[in-house]
Amino acid sequence: MANGINRITLFKVPSPEGQQKLLEAFKEMQTGSKKDGKPYILSLSVGQAADDPRSQGWTVVAETKFASLDDMRYYDERDEAHAALREKAKGYGIVGGPAGVLTVYFEAVVSS
């Protein structure tokens, strides 16, 4: 996969306190995510969504880039730091349980 895998995850966390805790959890996860003892996430950008009707209740956005689909699968299935983040996030007031998290991923066809 020449362009790598781009992954977008949206969260519905209504309280500003919960949003801040989630942002901090991502910071912790970023430093702890390793594969074979080495960092493998190519890039991670996380922030609060703009307060705009188009956000439709989504409040926190994470954009992650991986070199391969295998790396993304490792992130989902075996990365202990990511597993810890998911566990913490359950206590941050995500609305609608699993419906309060949306993840999509793609290989870019156009990029600059």
N, C-alpha and C. Protein backbone atom coordinates (compact mmCIF):
# COMPACT_ATOMS: atom_id res chain seq x y z
N MET A 1 0.84 -1.17 0.00
CA MET A 1 0.00 0.00 0.00
C MET A 1 0.89 1.23 0.00
N ALA A 2 1.10 1.76 -1.15
CA ALA A 2 2.06 2.85 -1.34
C ALA A 2 1.70 4.10 -0.54
N ASN A 3 0.43 4.39 -0.42
CA ASN A 3 0.02 5.61 0.26
C ASN A 3 -0.27 5.40 1.74
N GLY A 4 -0.19 4.19 2.20
CA GLY A 4 -0.50 3.91 3.60
C GLY A 4 -1.99 3.91 3.85
N ILE A 5 -2.34 3.74 5.10
CA ILE A 5 -3.74 3.69 5.53
C ILE A 5 -4.02 4.92 6.38
N ASN A 6 -5.03 5.67 5.98
CA ASN A 6 -5.50 6.83 6.73
C ASN A 6 -6.75 6.42 7.49
N ARG A 7 -6.81 6.74 8.76
CA ARG A 7 -7.94 6.32 9.60
C ARG A 7 -8.47 7.54 10.33
N ILE A 8 -9.78 7.69 10.29
CA ILE A 8 -10.45 8.79 10.98
C ILE A 8 -11.40 8.17 12.01
N THR A 9 -11.31 8.63 13.26
CA THR A 9 -12.22 8.16 14.30
C THR A 9 -12.86 9.38 14.93
N LEU A 10 -14.19 9.35 15.01
CA LEU A 10 -14.98 10.43 15.59
C LEU A 10 -15.60 9.94 16.89
N PHE A 11 -15.68 10.83 17.87
CA PHE A 11 -16.25 10.50 19.18
C PHE A 11 -17.32 11.51 19.54
N LYS A 12 -18.40 11.03 20.17
CA LYS A 12 -19.43 11.91 20.71
C LYS A 12 -19.26 11.93 22.23
N VAL A 13 -18.54 12.95 22.69
CA VAL A 13 -18.31 13.15 24.13
C VAL A 13 -18.83 14.55 24.44
N PRO A 14 -20.05 14.65 25.02
CA PRO A 14 -20.65 15.97 25.19
C PRO A 14 -19.95 16.91 26.18
N SER A 15 -19.40 16.38 27.27
CA SER A 15 -18.84 17.29 28.28
C SER A 15 -17.42 17.72 27.90
N PRO A 16 -17.12 19.00 28.09
CA PRO A 16 -15.76 19.48 27.83
C PRO A 16 -14.72 18.74 28.68
N GLU A 17 -15.09 18.36 29.91
CA GLU A 17 -14.16 17.62 30.77
C GLU A 17 -13.84 16.25 30.17
N GLY A 18 -14.86 15.56 29.69
CA GLY A 18 -14.66 14.26 29.06
C GLY A 18 -13.82 14.38 27.79
N GLN A 19 -14.08 15.43 27.03
CA GLN A 19 -13.29 15.66 25.80
C GLN A 19 -11.83 15.86 26.15
N GLN A 20 -11.55 16.65 27.16
CA GLN A 20 -10.16 16.92 27.56
C GLN A 20 -9.48 15.65 28.04
N LYS A 21 -10.21 14.84 28.81
CA LYS A 21 -9.64 13.57 29.28
C LYS A 21 -9.31 12.65 28.11
N LEU A 22 -10.16 12.63 27.11
CA LEU A 22 -9.91 11.80 25.94
C LEU A 22 -8.68 12.29 25.18
N LEU A 23 -8.55 13.60 25.04
CA LEU A 23 -7.36 14.16 24.38
C LEU A 23 -6.08 13.78 25.13
N GLU A 24 -6.13 13.87 26.46
CA GLU A 24 -4.97 13.49 27.28
C GLU A 24 -4.67 12.00 27.14
N ALA A 25 -5.70 11.17 27.07
CA ALA A 25 -5.50 9.72 26.91
C ALA A 25 -4.81 9.42 25.58
N PHE A 26 -5.15 10.17 24.54
CA PHE A 26 -4.48 9.98 23.25
C PHE A 26 -3.00 10.36 23.35
N LYS A 27 -2.68 11.41 24.10
CA LYS A 27 -1.28 11.79 24.28
C LYS A 27 -0.50 10.66 24.94
N GLU A 28 -1.10 10.06 25.97
CA GLU A 28 -0.45 8.94 26.66
C GLU A 28 -0.29 7.75 25.71
N MET A 29 -1.34 7.47 24.94
CA MET A 29 -1.30 6.34 24.03
C MET A 29 -0.20 6.52 22.98
N GLN A 30 -0.06 7.74 22.49
CA GLN A 30 0.92 8.01 21.44
C GLN A 30 2.33 7.63 21.88
N THR A 31 2.67 7.94 23.10
CA THR A 31 4.03 7.64 23.56
C THR A 31 4.20 6.15 23.88
N GLY A 32 3.11 5.45 24.17
CA GLY A 32 3.20 4.04 24.54
C GLY A 32 2.99 3.06 23.41
N SER A 33 2.49 3.51 22.27
CA SER A 33 2.20 2.59 21.16
C SER A 33 3.49 2.15 20.48
N LYS A 34 3.76 0.85 20.59
CA LYS A 34 4.96 0.28 19.99
C LYS A 34 4.60 -1.06 19.34
N LYS A 35 5.34 -1.39 18.31
CA LYS A 35 5.24 -2.68 17.64
C LYS A 35 6.67 -3.19 17.52
N ASP A 36 6.94 -4.34 18.08
CA ASP A 36 8.30 -4.88 18.13
C ASP A 36 9.25 -3.88 18.80
N GLY A 37 8.72 -3.18 19.81
CA GLY A 37 9.53 -2.24 20.57
C GLY A 37 9.79 -0.90 19.91
N LYS A 38 9.17 -0.67 18.74
CA LYS A 38 9.42 0.58 18.01
C LYS A 38 8.11 1.28 17.69
N PRO A 39 8.14 2.63 17.61
CA PRO A 39 6.94 3.35 17.18
C PRO A 39 6.56 2.91 15.76
N TYR A 40 5.28 2.77 15.49
CA TYR A 40 4.85 2.34 14.16
C TYR A 40 3.72 3.19 13.59
N ILE A 41 3.14 4.06 14.40
CA ILE A 41 2.11 4.97 13.90
C ILE A 41 2.85 6.10 13.18
N LEU A 42 2.55 6.27 11.88
CA LEU A 42 3.26 7.28 11.09
C LEU A 42 2.89 8.69 11.52
N SER A 43 1.60 8.92 11.81
CA SER A 43 1.19 10.23 12.30
C SER A 43 -0.12 10.09 13.07
N LEU A 44 -0.29 10.98 14.02
CA LEU A 44 -1.51 11.02 14.84
C LEU A 44 -1.85 12.47 15.09
N SER A 45 -3.06 12.86 14.71
CA SER A 45 -3.58 14.21 14.97
C SER A 45 -4.91 14.04 15.67
N VAL A 46 -5.05 14.67 16.83
CA VAL A 46 -6.29 14.55 17.61
C VAL A 46 -6.67 15.94 18.09
N GLY A 47 -7.96 16.25 18.02
CA GLY A 47 -8.42 17.53 18.52
C GLY A 47 -9.93 17.57 18.66
N GLN A 48 -10.40 18.69 19.17
CA GLN A 48 -11.84 18.88 19.32
C GLN A 48 -12.41 19.36 17.99
N ALA A 49 -13.56 18.80 17.64
CA ALA A 49 -14.25 19.24 16.43
C ALA A 49 -14.74 20.67 16.62
N ALA A 50 -14.80 21.41 15.53
CA ALA A 50 -15.31 22.78 15.59
C ALA A 50 -16.77 22.74 16.02
N ASP A 51 -17.16 23.72 16.83
CA ASP A 51 -18.56 23.82 17.27
C ASP A 51 -19.36 24.38 16.09
N ASP A 52 -19.91 23.47 15.31
CA ASP A 52 -20.56 23.81 14.06
C ASP A 52 -21.67 22.80 13.81
N PRO A 53 -22.81 23.21 13.26
CA PRO A 53 -23.89 22.25 13.00
C PRO A 53 -23.45 21.06 12.15
N ARG A 54 -22.48 21.26 11.28
CA ARG A 54 -22.02 20.16 10.43
C ARG A 54 -21.34 19.05 11.22
N SER A 55 -20.91 19.33 12.44
CA SER A 55 -20.25 18.32 13.27
C SER A 55 -21.24 17.27 13.77
N GLN A 56 -22.52 17.59 13.78
CA GLN A 56 -23.60 16.65 14.12
C GLN A 56 -23.37 15.91 15.44
N GLY A 57 -22.83 16.60 16.43
CA GLY A 57 -22.65 16.00 17.74
C GLY A 57 -21.30 15.32 17.95
N TRP A 58 -20.51 15.17 16.88
CA TRP A 58 -19.17 14.59 17.03
C TRP A 58 -18.29 15.68 17.64
N THR A 59 -17.56 15.36 18.70
CA THR A 59 -16.83 16.39 19.44
C THR A 59 -15.32 16.22 19.43
N VAL A 60 -14.83 14.99 19.25
CA VAL A 60 -13.39 14.74 19.23
C VAL A 60 -13.08 13.94 17.97
N VAL A 61 -12.00 14.33 17.28
CA VAL A 61 -11.60 13.69 16.03
C VAL A 61 -10.16 13.23 16.16
N ALA A 62 -9.92 11.97 15.74
CA ALA A 62 -8.55 11.44 15.70
C ALA A 62 -8.25 11.00 14.28
N GLU A 63 -7.13 11.47 13.76
CA GLU A 63 -6.68 11.08 12.43
C GLU A 63 -5.35 10.36 12.60
N THR A 64 -5.29 9.12 12.16
CA THR A 64 -4.11 8.28 12.34
C THR A 64 -3.66 7.76 10.99
N LYS A 65 -2.35 7.70 10.78
CA LYS A 65 -1.83 7.14 9.53
C LYS A 65 -0.89 5.99 9.85
N PHE A 66 -1.09 4.89 9.11
CA PHE A 66 -0.29 3.69 9.26
C PHE A 66 0.36 3.36 7.92
N ALA A 67 1.50 2.67 7.97
CA ALA A 67 2.19 2.28 6.74
C ALA A 67 1.42 1.19 5.99
N SER A 68 0.67 0.37 6.74
CA SER A 68 -0.01 -0.77 6.11
C SER A 68 -1.27 -1.14 6.86
N LEU A 69 -2.11 -1.91 6.20
CA LEU A 69 -3.31 -2.43 6.84
C LEU A 69 -2.93 -3.35 8.00
N ASP A 70 -1.84 -4.09 7.87
CA ASP A 70 -1.37 -4.95 8.97
C ASP A 70 -1.04 -4.12 10.20
N ASP A 71 -0.41 -2.96 10.02
CA ASP A 71 -0.12 -2.09 11.16
C ASP A 71 -1.40 -1.59 11.81
N MET A 72 -2.40 -1.24 11.01
CA MET A 72 -3.66 -0.79 11.59
C MET A 72 -4.34 -1.92 12.36
N ARG A 73 -4.29 -3.11 11.82
CA ARG A 73 -4.87 -4.26 12.51
C ARG A 73 -4.13 -4.54 13.83
N TYR A 74 -2.83 -4.37 13.82
CA TYR A 74 -2.05 -4.52 15.05
C TYR A 74 -2.56 -3.50 16.08
N TYR A 75 -2.76 -2.28 15.66
CA TYR A 75 -3.26 -1.20 16.52
C TYR A 75 -4.59 -1.62 17.16
N ASP A 76 -5.48 -2.17 16.36
CA ASP A 76 -6.80 -2.57 16.85
C ASP A 76 -6.77 -3.81 17.73
N GLU A 77 -5.93 -4.75 17.40
CA GLU A 77 -6.02 -6.07 18.02
C GLU A 77 -4.96 -6.37 19.08
N ARG A 78 -3.78 -5.72 18.99
CA ARG A 78 -2.70 -6.13 19.90
C ARG A 78 -1.97 -4.99 20.60
N ASP A 79 -2.18 -3.77 20.20
CA ASP A 79 -1.46 -2.65 20.82
C ASP A 79 -2.02 -2.42 22.23
N GLU A 80 -1.18 -2.66 23.24
CA GLU A 80 -1.62 -2.52 24.63
C GLU A 80 -1.97 -1.08 24.99
N ALA A 81 -1.24 -0.12 24.44
CA ALA A 81 -1.52 1.30 24.73
C ALA A 81 -2.87 1.69 24.14
N HIS A 82 -3.20 1.20 22.95
CA HIS A 82 -4.50 1.49 22.36
C HIS A 82 -5.62 0.80 23.15
N ALA A 83 -5.38 -0.42 23.61
CA ALA A 83 -6.37 -1.12 24.43
C ALA A 83 -6.64 -0.33 25.72
N ALA A 84 -5.59 0.22 26.32
CA ALA A 84 -5.76 1.02 27.54
C ALA A 84 -6.56 2.28 27.25
N LEU A 85 -6.31 2.93 26.11
CA LEU A 85 -7.07 4.11 25.72
C LEU A 85 -8.55 3.76 25.57
N ARG A 86 -8.85 2.67 24.89
CA ARG A 86 -10.25 2.26 24.71
C ARG A 86 -10.93 2.04 26.06
N GLU A 87 -10.22 1.42 26.99
CA GLU A 87 -10.80 1.15 28.31
C GLU A 87 -11.06 2.46 29.06
N LYS A 88 -10.11 3.38 29.03
CA LYS A 88 -10.29 4.68 29.68
C LYS A 88 -11.45 5.44 29.07
N ALA A 89 -11.55 5.41 27.74
CA ALA A 89 -12.56 6.19 27.02
C ALA A 89 -13.98 5.82 27.45
N LYS A 90 -14.17 4.60 27.92
CA LYS A 90 -15.50 4.18 28.37
C LYS A 90 -16.01 5.04 29.51
N GLY A 91 -15.12 5.63 30.29
CA GLY A 91 -15.51 6.46 31.42
C GLY A 91 -15.62 7.94 31.12
N TYR A 92 -15.49 8.34 29.87
CA TYR A 92 -15.48 9.76 29.53
C TYR A 92 -16.81 10.28 29.02
N GLY A 93 -17.85 9.48 29.12
CA GLY A 93 -19.20 9.95 28.76
C GLY A 93 -19.50 9.90 27.28
N ILE A 94 -18.96 8.94 26.56
CA ILE A 94 -19.28 8.80 25.14
C ILE A 94 -20.77 8.49 25.03
N VAL A 95 -21.47 9.27 24.21
CA VAL A 95 -22.91 9.14 24.05
C VAL A 95 -23.24 7.96 23.13
N GLY A 96 -24.18 7.13 23.56
CA GLY A 96 -24.68 6.07 22.70
C GLY A 96 -23.84 4.81 22.66
N GLY A 97 -22.94 4.63 23.64
CA GLY A 97 -22.12 3.42 23.64
C GLY A 97 -21.32 3.31 22.36
N PRO A 98 -21.28 2.12 21.75
CA PRO A 98 -20.51 1.96 20.52
C PRO A 98 -20.95 2.89 19.39
N ALA A 99 -22.22 3.31 19.40
CA ALA A 99 -22.70 4.23 18.36
C ALA A 99 -22.08 5.61 18.51
N GLY A 100 -21.46 5.89 19.64
CA GLY A 100 -20.82 7.18 19.87
C GLY A 100 -19.39 7.24 19.37
N VAL A 101 -18.97 6.19 18.66
CA VAL A 101 -17.63 6.15 18.06
C VAL A 101 -17.80 5.68 16.61
N LEU A 102 -17.21 6.42 15.69
CA LEU A 102 -17.28 6.07 14.28
C LEU A 102 -15.86 6.03 13.72
N THR A 103 -15.49 4.91 13.12
CA THR A 103 -14.15 4.78 12.53
C THR A 103 -14.28 4.39 11.07
N VAL A 104 -13.56 5.11 10.22
CA VAL A 104 -13.44 4.75 8.81
C VAL A 104 -11.96 4.81 8.46
N TYR A 105 -11.56 4.02 7.46
CA TYR A 105 -10.18 4.07 7.01
C TYR A 105 -10.15 3.89 5.50
N PHE A 106 -9.05 4.38 4.91
CA PHE A 106 -8.94 4.35 3.45
C PHE A 106 -7.50 4.49 3.04
N GLU A 107 -7.21 4.07 1.81
CA GLU A 107 -5.95 4.35 1.17
C GLU A 107 -6.18 5.52 0.24
N ALA A 108 -5.41 6.57 0.37
CA ALA A 108 -5.64 7.78 -0.42
C ALA A 108 -5.41 7.53 -1.91
N VAL A 109 -6.30 8.03 -2.71
CA VAL A 109 -6.16 8.01 -4.16
C VAL A 109 -5.59 9.36 -4.61
N VAL A 110 -5.98 10.40 -3.91
CA VAL A 110 -5.49 11.75 -4.16
C VAL A 110 -4.94 12.29 -2.86
N SER A 111 -3.73 12.80 -2.88
CA SER A 111 -3.18 13.43 -1.69
C SER A 111 -2.16 14.48 -2.13
N SER A 112 -1.88 15.41 -1.23
CA SER A 112 -0.88 16.43 -1.55
C SER A 112 0.09 16.60 -0.42
